[in-house]
């Protein structure tokens, strides 16, 4: 659930004839929850409203194309662009904002595993919240379980990563959000996460630097306290990358 706003006055509930976006926004404001670009708002969306929201985005996107002076009536390449973009945002690249977390089966650490395990590289596809340009990269996750940890299946790391990353993000916040989700879910002794990604807001616009990447790491628990464990994780990760 998104973080609480510092203060939020209860919004008067719009009627059923109001656009879906206004009804959803009013529920969030009334709850006092935050709804930044990288927050999940699935709890506030009622059945059928996502399709209505798609129609709204399509209509607004058609206005953007018109304002860009693109003749979508005559140009066969852009006649359906507004609908395609709306579907792409809601059902694909920003899907992590609008759907609940994927189901994750947790199972106890029966064998009392307490050795370092590393998952990755997991492919990451996200978008910069500043320009909505693609962020493409990889994530590696290190886990130091304890006898009380909840373990999850290998594929679930990828599913949870995709859910968090399929939102407009800045990378620095994305890695913190994903690490917090996994750490709270598994309750390990330690968790480490490294993300390396290309940012098309640099490749495609601005300085147009095609070689630069961003690398972020988050260390929690024993990875933060134990320099030898942190060194082992980073050494194994670098060996895997080379």
C-alpha atoms as a PDB file:
ATOM      1  CA  UNK A   1       0.000   0.000   0.000  1.00  0.00           C
ATOM      2  CA  UNK A   2       1.336   3.488  -0.857  1.00  0.00           C
ATOM      3  CA  UNK A   3       2.561   5.711   1.966  1.00  0.00           C
ATOM      4  CA  UNK A   4       0.164   8.099   3.709  1.00  0.00           C
ATOM      5  CA  UNK A   5       0.146  11.689   2.578  1.00  0.00           C
ATOM      6  CA  UNK A   6       1.140  14.200   5.277  1.00  0.00           C
ATOM      7  CA  UNK A   7      -2.415  15.517   5.308  1.00  0.00           C
ATOM      8  CA  UNK A   8      -5.349  14.842   3.039  1.00  0.00           C
ATOM      9  CA  UNK A   9      -8.847  16.211   3.286  1.00  0.00           C
ATOM     10  CA  UNK A  10     -11.585  13.758   2.444  1.00  0.00           C
ATOM     11  CA  UNK A  11     -12.735  14.449  -1.092  1.00  0.00           C
ATOM     12  CA  UNK A  12     -16.426  14.538  -1.868  1.00  0.00           C
ATOM     13  CA  UNK A  13     -17.222  11.383  -3.756  1.00  0.00           C
ATOM     14  CA  UNK A  14     -18.067  12.045  -7.423  1.00  0.00           C
ATOM     15  CA  UNK A  15     -21.149  10.357  -8.824  1.00  0.00           C
ATOM     16  CA  UNK A  16     -21.142   7.233 -11.008  1.00  0.00           C
ATOM     17  CA  UNK A  17     -21.407   9.427 -14.105  1.00  0.00           C
ATOM     18  CA  UNK A  18     -18.012  11.012 -13.372  1.00  0.00           C
ATOM     19  CA  UNK A  19     -14.952   9.760 -15.293  1.00  0.00           C
ATOM     20  CA  UNK A  20     -13.275   6.713 -13.788  1.00  0.00           C
ATOM     21  CA  UNK A  21     -10.080   8.709 -13.176  1.00  0.00           C
ATOM     22  CA  UNK A  22     -11.977  11.188 -10.977  1.00  0.00           C
ATOM     23  CA  UNK A  23     -13.704   8.434  -8.997  1.00  0.00           C
ATOM     24  CA  UNK A  24     -10.408   6.618  -8.402  1.00  0.00           C
ATOM     25  CA  UNK A  25      -8.607   9.839  -7.472  1.00  0.00           C
ATOM     26  CA  UNK A  26     -11.371  10.765  -4.989  1.00  0.00           C
ATOM     27  CA  UNK A  27     -11.089   7.385  -3.235  1.00  0.00           C
ATOM     28  CA  UNK A  28      -7.327   7.759  -2.887  1.00  0.00           C
ATOM     29  CA  UNK A  29      -7.584  11.314  -1.565  1.00  0.00           C
ATOM     30  CA  UNK A  30     -10.261  10.263   0.927  1.00  0.00           C
ATOM     31  CA  UNK A  31      -7.974   7.483   2.193  1.00  0.00           C
ATOM     32  CA  UNK A  32      -5.033   9.831   2.678  1.00  0.00           C
ATOM     33  CA  UNK A  33      -2.775   7.564   0.643  1.00  0.00           C
ATOM     34  CA  UNK A  34      -0.052   8.767  -1.699  1.00  0.00           C
ATOM     35  CA  UNK A  35      -0.403   8.126  -5.431  1.00  0.00           C
ATOM     36  CA  UNK A  36       2.918   9.073  -6.948  1.00  0.00           C
ATOM     37  CA  UNK A  37       3.975   7.669 -10.304  1.00  0.00           C
ATOM     38  CA  UNK A  38       5.673   4.623  -8.742  1.00  0.00           C
ATOM     39  CA  UNK A  39       2.868   3.805  -6.274  1.00  0.00           C
ATOM     40  CA  UNK A  40       0.442   0.930  -6.745  1.00  0.00           C
ATOM     41  CA  UNK A  41      -3.221   2.051  -6.699  1.00  0.00           C
ATOM     42  CA  UNK A  42      -4.926  -1.265  -7.481  1.00  0.00           C
ATOM     43  CA  UNK A  43      -6.822  -1.258  -4.146  1.00  0.00           C
ATOM     44  CA  UNK A  44      -8.753   1.823  -5.252  1.00  0.00           C
ATOM     45  CA  UNK A  45      -9.835   0.548  -8.687  1.00  0.00           C
ATOM     46  CA  UNK A  46     -13.226  -1.150  -8.885  1.00  0.00           C
ATOM     47  CA  UNK A  47     -14.202  -3.829 -11.436  1.00  0.00           C
ATOM     48  CA  UNK A  48     -14.650  -2.399 -14.916  1.00  0.00           C
ATOM     49  CA  UNK A  49     -12.907   0.892 -14.157  1.00  0.00           C
ATOM     50  CA  UNK A  50      -9.595  -0.061 -15.746  1.00  0.00           C
ATOM     51  CA  UNK A  51     -11.306  -0.404 -19.130  1.00  0.00           C
ATOM     52  CA  UNK A  52     -12.978   2.973 -18.582  1.00  0.00           C
ATOM     53  CA  UNK A  53      -9.622   4.459 -17.664  1.00  0.00           C
ATOM     54  CA  UNK A  54      -8.159   3.080 -20.884  1.00  0.00           C
ATOM     55  CA  UNK A  55     -10.856   4.912 -22.834  1.00  0.00           C
ATOM     56  CA  UNK A  56     -10.015   8.148 -21.030  1.00  0.00           C
ATOM     57  CA  UNK A  57      -6.295   7.810 -21.736  1.00  0.00           C
ATOM     58  CA  UNK A  58      -7.079   7.096 -25.394  1.00  0.00           C
ATOM     59  CA  UNK A  59      -9.189  10.241 -25.624  1.00  0.00           C
ATOM     60  CA  UNK A  60      -6.540  12.398 -23.979  1.00  0.00           C
ATOM     61  CA  UNK A  61      -3.779  10.884 -26.124  1.00  0.00           C
ATOM     62  CA  UNK A  62      -5.781  11.687 -29.242  1.00  0.00           C
ATOM     63  CA  UNK A  63      -5.773  15.298 -28.046  1.00  0.00           C
ATOM     64  CA  UNK A  64      -1.985  15.191 -27.644  1.00  0.00           C
ATOM     65  CA  UNK A  65      -1.579  13.935 -31.218  1.00  0.00           C
ATOM     66  CA  UNK A  66      -3.898  16.656 -32.478  1.00  0.00           C
ATOM     67  CA  UNK A  67      -1.909  19.306 -30.582  1.00  0.00           C
ATOM     68  CA  UNK A  68       1.271  17.927 -32.173  1.00  0.00           C
ATOM     69  CA  UNK A  69      -0.452  18.724 -35.507  1.00  0.00           C
ATOM     70  CA  UNK A  70      -0.507  15.105 -36.675  1.00  0.00           C
ATOM     71  CA  UNK A  71      -3.309  14.331 -39.136  1.00  0.00           C
ATOM     72  CA  UNK A  72      -4.563  11.120 -37.546  1.00  0.00           C
ATOM     73  CA  UNK A  73      -7.598  11.183 -39.870  1.00  0.00           C
ATOM     74  CA  UNK A  74      -5.496  10.772 -43.011  1.00  0.00           C
ATOM     75  CA  UNK A  75      -2.256   9.264 -41.679  1.00  0.00           C
ATOM     76  CA  UNK A  76      -2.815   5.506 -41.671  1.00  0.00           C
ATOM     77  CA  UNK A  77       0.201   4.997 -39.380  1.00  0.00           C
ATOM     78  CA  UNK A  78      -1.248   7.043 -36.511  1.00  0.00           C
ATOM     79  CA  UNK A  79      -4.992   6.427 -36.834  1.00  0.00           C
ATOM     80  CA  UNK A  80      -4.917   3.894 -33.980  1.00  0.00           C
ATOM     81  CA  UNK A  81      -1.924   5.299 -32.115  1.00  0.00           C
ATOM     82  CA  UNK A  82      -3.961   6.842 -29.290  1.00  0.00           C
ATOM     83  CA  UNK A  83      -5.570   3.486 -28.481  1.00  0.00           C
ATOM     84  CA  UNK A  84      -2.279   1.612 -28.811  1.00  0.00           C
ATOM     85  CA  UNK A  85      -0.511   4.019 -26.447  1.00  0.00           C
ATOM     86  CA  UNK A  86      -3.348   3.810 -23.906  1.00  0.00           C
ATOM     87  CA  UNK A  87      -3.198   0.000 -23.933  1.00  0.00           C
ATOM     88  CA  UNK A  88       0.590   0.059 -23.694  1.00  0.00           C
ATOM     89  CA  UNK A  89       0.578   2.328 -20.637  1.00  0.00           C
ATOM     90  CA  UNK A  90      -2.203   0.611 -18.687  1.00  0.00           C
ATOM     91  CA  UNK A  91      -1.716  -3.032 -19.679  1.00  0.00           C
ATOM     92  CA  UNK A  92       2.040  -3.224 -20.158  1.00  0.00           C
ATOM     93  CA  UNK A  93       4.682  -0.655 -19.241  1.00  0.00           C
ATOM     94  CA  UNK A  94       2.786   0.879 -16.270  1.00  0.00           C
ATOM     95  CA  UNK A  95       0.793  -2.226 -15.371  1.00  0.00           C
ATOM     96  CA  UNK A  96       2.442  -2.407 -11.944  1.00  0.00           C
ATOM     97  CA  UNK A  97       0.480   0.686 -10.870  1.00  0.00           C
ATOM     98  CA  UNK A  98      -2.945  -0.744 -11.657  1.00  0.00           C
ATOM     99  CA  UNK A  99      -2.925  -4.425 -10.723  1.00  0.00           C
ATOM    100  CA  UNK A 100      -2.433  -6.136  -7.372  1.00  0.00           C
ATOM    101  CA  UNK A 101       0.810  -7.898  -6.541  1.00  0.00           C
ATOM    102  CA  UNK A 102       1.201 -11.324  -8.169  1.00  0.00           C
ATOM    103  CA  UNK A 103       0.404 -14.267  -5.886  1.00  0.00           C
ATOM    104  CA  UNK A 104       3.541 -15.565  -4.198  1.00  0.00           C
ATOM    105  CA  UNK A 105       3.690 -18.905  -2.439  1.00  0.00           C
ATOM    106  CA  UNK A 106       5.915 -18.733   0.614  1.00  0.00           C
ATOM    107  CA  UNK A 107       7.252 -21.839   2.306  1.00  0.00           C
ATOM    108  CA  UNK A 108       9.200 -22.319   5.533  1.00  0.00           C
ATOM    109  CA  UNK A 109      12.944 -22.844   5.608  1.00  0.00           C
ATOM    110  CA  UNK A 110      12.631 -26.484   6.692  1.00  0.00           C
ATOM    111  CA  UNK A 111      16.279 -27.307   5.977  1.00  0.00           C
ATOM    112  CA  UNK A 112      17.355 -24.176   7.868  1.00  0.00           C
ATOM    113  CA  UNK A 113      19.375 -22.896   4.923  1.00  0.00           C
ATOM    114  CA  UNK A 114      21.782 -20.159   5.978  1.00  0.00           C
ATOM    115  CA  UNK A 115      24.126 -19.796   3.008  1.00  0.00           C
ATOM    116  CA  UNK A 116      24.274 -16.978   0.510  1.00  0.00           C
ATOM    117  CA  UNK A 117      22.097 -17.407  -2.567  1.00  0.00           C
ATOM    118  CA  UNK A 118      22.017 -15.097  -5.567  1.00  0.00           C
ATOM    119  CA  UNK A 119      19.200 -14.738  -8.113  1.00  0.00           C
ATOM    120  CA  UNK A 120      19.858 -13.012 -11.419  1.00  0.00           C
ATOM    121  CA  UNK A 121      20.301 -11.455 -13.744  1.00  0.00           C
ATOM    122  CA  UNK A 122      16.593 -10.615 -13.927  1.00  0.00           C
ATOM    123  CA  UNK A 123      15.691  -8.498 -16.950  1.00  0.00           C
ATOM    124  CA  UNK A 124      14.213  -5.128 -16.007  1.00  0.00           C
ATOM    125  CA  UNK A 125      11.969  -3.012 -18.206  1.00  0.00           C
ATOM    126  CA  UNK A 126      10.795   0.255 -16.713  1.00  0.00           C
ATOM    127  CA  UNK A 127      10.336   3.905 -17.644  1.00  0.00           C
ATOM    128  CA  UNK A 128      11.790   7.137 -16.351  1.00  0.00           C
ATOM    129  CA  UNK A 129       9.124   9.172 -14.566  1.00  0.00           C
ATOM    130  CA  UNK A 130      10.711  12.410 -15.836  1.00  0.00           C
ATOM    131  CA  UNK A 131      10.327  11.771 -19.575  1.00  0.00           C
ATOM    132  CA  UNK A 132       8.589   8.358 -19.813  1.00  0.00           C
ATOM    133  CA  UNK A 133      11.636   7.085 -21.691  1.00  0.00           C
ATOM    134  CA  UNK A 134      12.579   3.387 -21.349  1.00  0.00           C
ATOM    135  CA  UNK A 135      14.877   2.050 -18.648  1.00  0.00           C
ATOM    136  CA  UNK A 136      16.292  -1.335 -19.638  1.00  0.00           C
ATOM    137  CA  UNK A 137      18.630  -3.357 -17.476  1.00  0.00           C
ATOM    138  CA  UNK A 138      19.315  -6.210 -15.087  1.00  0.00           C
ATOM    139  CA  UNK A 139      18.788  -6.894 -11.393  1.00  0.00           C
ATOM    140  CA  UNK A 140      20.717  -9.266  -9.116  1.00  0.00           C
ATOM    141  CA  UNK A 141      19.336 -10.229  -5.704  1.00  0.00           C
ATOM    142  CA  UNK A 142      21.352 -11.736  -2.878  1.00  0.00           C
ATOM    143  CA  UNK A 143      19.620 -13.396   0.086  1.00  0.00           C
ATOM    144  CA  UNK A 144      21.056 -14.618   3.366  1.00  0.00           C
ATOM    145  CA  UNK A 145      18.202 -16.658   4.864  1.00  0.00           C
ATOM    146  CA  UNK A 146      17.795 -17.794   8.447  1.00  0.00           C
ATOM    147  CA  UNK A 147      15.813 -20.637   9.982  1.00  0.00           C
ATOM    148  CA  UNK A 148      12.728 -18.420  10.308  1.00  0.00           C
ATOM    149  CA  UNK A 149      12.832 -16.967   6.792  1.00  0.00           C
ATOM    150  CA  UNK A 150       9.991 -17.393   4.339  1.00  0.00           C
ATOM    151  CA  UNK A 151      11.415 -18.713   1.080  1.00  0.00           C
ATOM    152  CA  UNK A 152       9.847 -18.018  -2.314  1.00  0.00           C
ATOM    153  CA  UNK A 153      10.114 -19.805  -5.644  1.00  0.00           C
ATOM    154  CA  UNK A 154      12.769 -18.713  -8.131  1.00  0.00           C
ATOM    155  CA  UNK A 155      10.276 -17.379 -10.695  1.00  0.00           C
ATOM    156  CA  UNK A 156       8.602 -15.227  -8.029  1.00  0.00           C
ATOM    157  CA  UNK A 157      11.666 -12.984  -7.807  1.00  0.00           C
ATOM    158  CA  UNK A 158      11.168 -12.162 -11.487  1.00  0.00           C
ATOM    159  CA  UNK A 159       7.406 -11.664 -11.110  1.00  0.00           C
ATOM    160  CA  UNK A 160       7.781  -9.315  -8.142  1.00  0.00           C
ATOM    161  CA  UNK A 161      10.583  -7.429  -9.888  1.00  0.00           C
ATOM    162  CA  UNK A 162       8.409  -6.937 -12.962  1.00  0.00           C
ATOM    163  CA  UNK A 163       5.470  -5.774 -10.815  1.00  0.00           C
ATOM    164  CA  UNK A 164       7.542  -3.102  -9.070  1.00  0.00           C
ATOM    165  CA  UNK A 165       9.439  -2.002 -12.164  1.00  0.00           C
ATOM    166  CA  UNK A 166       6.377  -1.714 -14.437  1.00  0.00           C
ATOM    167  CA  UNK A 167       5.740   1.829 -13.259  1.00  0.00           C
ATOM    168  CA  UNK A 168       7.236   5.243 -14.023  1.00  0.00           C
ATOM    169  CA  UNK A 169      10.358   5.260 -11.849  1.00  0.00           C
ATOM    170  CA  UNK A 170      13.647   6.771 -11.020  1.00  0.00           C
ATOM    171  CA  UNK A 171      16.131   3.963 -10.540  1.00  0.00           C
ATOM    172  CA  UNK A 172      17.289   5.122  -7.110  1.00  0.00           C
ATOM    173  CA  UNK A 173      13.765   4.727  -5.708  1.00  0.00           C
ATOM    174  CA  UNK A 174      12.948   1.564  -7.643  1.00  0.00           C
ATOM    175  CA  UNK A 175      15.743  -0.490  -6.089  1.00  0.00           C
ATOM    176  CA  UNK A 176      14.765   0.647  -2.601  1.00  0.00           C
ATOM    177  CA  UNK A 177      11.120  -0.214  -3.224  1.00  0.00           C
ATOM    178  CA  UNK A 178      11.915  -3.693  -4.536  1.00  0.00           C
ATOM    179  CA  UNK A 179      14.390  -4.475  -1.759  1.00  0.00           C
ATOM    180  CA  UNK A 180      11.883  -3.404   0.911  1.00  0.00           C
ATOM    181  CA  UNK A 181       9.190  -5.617  -0.616  1.00  0.00           C
ATOM    182  CA  UNK A 182      11.443  -8.693  -0.660  1.00  0.00           C
ATOM    183  CA  UNK A 183      12.979  -8.019   2.750  1.00  0.00           C
ATOM    184  CA  UNK A 184       9.597  -7.599   4.446  1.00  0.00           C
ATOM    185  CA  UNK A 185       8.200 -10.682   2.719  1.00  0.00           C
ATOM    186  CA  UNK A 186      11.077 -13.078   3.398  1.00  0.00           C
ATOM    187  CA  UNK A 187      12.470 -11.745   6.691  1.00  0.00           C
ATOM    188  CA  UNK A 188      16.032 -12.937   5.936  1.00  0.00           C
ATOM    189  CA  UNK A 189      19.148 -12.078   7.905  1.00  0.00           C
ATOM    190  CA  UNK A 190      20.211  -9.960   4.984  1.00  0.00           C
ATOM    191  CA  UNK A 191      19.220  -8.905   1.484  1.00  0.00           C
ATOM    192  CA  UNK A 192      21.300  -7.257  -1.237  1.00  0.00           C
ATOM    193  CA  UNK A 193      20.139  -5.872  -4.553  1.00  0.00           C
ATOM    194  CA  UNK A 194      22.103  -4.466  -7.481  1.00  0.00           C
ATOM    195  CA  UNK A 195      20.559  -2.916 -10.585  1.00  0.00           C
ATOM    196  CA  UNK A 196      22.418  -1.892 -13.736  1.00  0.00           C
ATOM    197  CA  UNK A 197      20.428  -0.172 -16.474  1.00  0.00           C
ATOM    198  CA  UNK A 198      20.489   1.914 -19.638  1.00  0.00           C
ATOM    199  CA  UNK A 199      18.417   5.103 -19.505  1.00  0.00           C
ATOM    200  CA  UNK A 200      16.953   6.281 -22.785  1.00  0.00           C
ATOM    201  CA  UNK A 201      16.379   9.745 -21.315  1.00  0.00           C
ATOM    202  CA  UNK A 202      20.176   9.994 -21.804  1.00  0.00           C
ATOM    203  CA  UNK A 203      20.508   7.875 -24.950  1.00  0.00           C
ATOM    204  CA  UNK A 204      17.569   9.285 -26.892  1.00  0.00           C
ATOM    205  CA  UNK A 205      17.499  12.920 -25.755  1.00  0.00           C
ATOM    206  CA  UNK A 206      19.586  15.446 -23.822  1.00  0.00           C
ATOM    207  CA  UNK A 207      23.282  14.598 -24.041  1.00  0.00           C
ATOM    208  CA  UNK A 208      22.556  11.538 -26.221  1.00  0.00           C
ATOM    209  CA  UNK A 209      25.289   9.539 -24.476  1.00  0.00           C
ATOM    210  CA  UNK A 210      24.938   5.946 -25.696  1.00  0.00           C
ATOM    211  CA  UNK A 211      27.484   4.373 -23.320  1.00  0.00           C
ATOM    212  CA  UNK A 212      26.467   5.562 -19.854  1.00  0.00           C
ATOM    213  CA  UNK A 213      24.703   3.212 -17.445  1.00  0.00           C
ATOM    214  CA  UNK A 214      23.442   3.652 -13.904  1.00  0.00           C
ATOM    215  CA  UNK A 215      24.322   1.120 -11.200  1.00  0.00           C
ATOM    216  CA  UNK A 216      22.616   1.142  -7.807  1.00  0.00           C
ATOM    217  CA  UNK A 217      22.912  -1.160  -4.827  1.00  0.00           C
ATOM    218  CA  UNK A 218      20.878  -1.609  -1.660  1.00  0.00           C
ATOM    219  CA  UNK A 219      22.231  -3.588   1.293  1.00  0.00           C
ATOM    220  CA  UNK A 220      20.050  -4.617   4.228  1.00  0.00           C
ATOM    221  CA  UNK A 221      20.681  -6.559   7.424  1.00  0.00           C
ATOM    222  CA  UNK A 222      23.809  -8.688   7.419  1.00  0.00           C
ATOM    223  CA  UNK A 223      24.916  -7.390   3.997  1.00  0.00           C
ATOM    224  CA  UNK A 224      25.077  -3.912   5.485  1.00  0.00           C
ATOM    225  CA  UNK A 225      26.878  -4.987   8.676  1.00  0.00           C
ATOM    226  CA  UNK A 226      29.241  -7.685   7.382  1.00  0.00           C
ATOM    227  CA  UNK A 227      31.871  -6.407   4.947  1.00  0.00           C
ATOM    228  CA  UNK A 228      33.035  -9.956   4.125  1.00  0.00           C
ATOM    229  CA  UNK A 229      29.518 -11.055   3.141  1.00  0.00           C
ATOM    230  CA  UNK A 230      29.047  -7.938   1.053  1.00  0.00           C
ATOM    231  CA  UNK A 231      32.395  -8.563  -0.630  1.00  0.00           C
ATOM    232  CA  UNK A 232      31.469 -12.199  -1.367  1.00  0.00           C
ATOM    233  CA  UNK A 233      28.167 -11.156  -2.936  1.00  0.00           C
ATOM    234  CA  UNK A 234      29.733  -8.491  -5.141  1.00  0.00           C
ATOM    235  CA  UNK A 235      32.579 -10.824  -6.149  1.00  0.00           C
ATOM    236  CA  UNK A 236      30.162 -13.577  -7.229  1.00  0.00           C
ATOM    237  CA  UNK A 237      27.999 -11.034  -9.010  1.00  0.00           C
ATOM    238  CA  UNK A 238      30.936  -9.611 -10.960  1.00  0.00           C
ATOM    239  CA  UNK A 239      32.061 -13.121 -11.888  1.00  0.00           C
ATOM    240  CA  UNK A 240      28.558 -13.832 -13.184  1.00  0.00           C
ATOM    241  CA  UNK A 241      28.520 -10.605 -15.222  1.00  0.00           C
ATOM    242  CA  UNK A 242      31.921 -11.167 -16.862  1.00  0.00           C
END
